[in-house]
Amino acid sequence: MTKEFEEAIANFNTWKIVEILEEKNVDIPENETVLLGGIHMARIYLATATDKQKEESKQWLVDHGCVSWISMEQ
């Protein structure tokens, strides 16, 4: 993962994330909730993300019914 991509995930820069994924020919989910959920999941496990960013992402996943996506032990 490049530093640019890590920063985009940590800062939740969806435009940059999508741009990078498109450059790498990665299929992007049409469903916005799936796309955002994937970004939030990545941010939870990103070493450079702050604890606050990780908590915000966990809360988003819980609020959007994606609680089964995360380990409650995190």
Protein backbone atom coordinates (compact mmCIF):
# COMPACT_ATOMS: atom_id res chain seq x y z
CA MET A 1 0.00 0.00 0.00
CA THR A 2 1.43 3.38 -0.93
CA LYS A 3 1.78 6.23 1.51
CA GLU A 4 -0.63 8.27 -0.62
CA PHE A 5 -3.26 5.53 -0.40
CA GLU A 6 -2.74 5.12 3.37
CA GLU A 7 -3.17 8.86 3.88
CA ALA A 8 -6.33 8.88 1.78
CA ILE A 9 -7.79 6.06 3.89
CA ALA A 10 -6.74 7.58 7.21
CA ASN A 11 -8.23 10.95 6.23
CA PHE A 12 -11.26 9.34 4.60
CA ASN A 13 -10.61 11.06 1.29
CA THR A 14 -13.06 9.05 -0.78
CA TRP A 15 -12.33 10.94 -4.00
CA LYS A 16 -8.62 10.12 -3.77
CA ILE A 17 -9.32 6.51 -2.78
CA VAL A 18 -11.60 6.01 -5.79
CA GLU A 19 -9.05 7.71 -8.06
CA ILE A 20 -6.27 5.38 -6.90
CA LEU A 21 -8.48 2.30 -7.19
CA GLU A 22 -9.50 3.27 -10.73
CA GLU A 23 -5.84 3.79 -11.70
CA LYS A 24 -5.13 0.24 -10.51
CA ASN A 25 -8.21 -1.14 -12.32
CA VAL A 26 -9.81 -2.30 -9.08
CA ASP A 27 -13.56 -2.86 -9.25
CA ILE A 28 -15.34 -0.26 -7.15
CA PRO A 29 -18.62 -1.29 -5.52
CA GLU A 30 -21.65 0.46 -6.98
CA ASN A 31 -23.35 0.36 -3.60
CA GLU A 32 -22.12 3.39 -1.65
CA THR A 33 -22.61 1.70 1.72
CA VAL A 34 -20.41 -1.21 0.64
CA LEU A 35 -17.71 1.17 -0.62
CA LEU A 36 -17.77 3.29 2.54
CA GLY A 37 -17.88 0.18 4.73
CA GLY A 38 -14.79 -1.15 3.01
CA ILE A 39 -12.96 2.12 3.56
CA HIS A 40 -13.97 2.16 7.23
CA MET A 41 -12.78 -1.44 7.62
CA ALA A 42 -9.44 -0.58 6.04
CA ARG A 43 -9.07 2.41 8.35
CA ILE A 44 -9.67 0.29 11.46
CA TYR A 45 -6.69 -1.91 10.57
CA LEU A 46 -4.47 0.87 9.22
CA ALA A 47 -1.41 1.28 11.44
CA THR A 48 -1.13 5.00 10.67
CA ALA A 49 -4.75 5.83 11.54
CA THR A 50 -5.29 7.51 14.89
CA ASP A 51 -7.33 5.91 17.65
CA LYS A 52 -9.98 8.59 17.06
CA GLN A 53 -10.18 7.74 13.35
CA LYS A 54 -10.46 4.04 14.16
CA GLU A 55 -13.22 4.65 16.71
CA GLU A 56 -15.13 6.84 14.22
CA SER A 57 -14.92 4.04 11.67
CA LYS A 58 -16.05 1.39 14.16
CA GLN A 59 -19.00 3.56 15.11
CA TRP A 60 -19.94 4.10 11.46
CA LEU A 61 -19.94 0.34 10.89
CA VAL A 62 -22.13 -0.22 13.95
CA ASP A 63 -24.51 2.60 12.93
CA HIS A 64 -24.89 1.12 9.46
CA GLY A 65 -25.55 -2.45 10.55
CA CYS A 66 -22.11 -3.73 9.65
CA VAL A 67 -21.23 -4.82 13.17
CA SER A 68 -20.54 -8.36 11.97
CA TRP A 69 -17.71 -6.93 9.87
CA ILE A 70 -15.64 -5.97 12.89
CA SER A 71 -14.18 -7.95 15.69
CA MET A 72 -15.47 -6.74 19.01
CA GLU A 73 -12.00 -7.46 20.42
CA GLN A 74 -10.41 -4.60 18.45
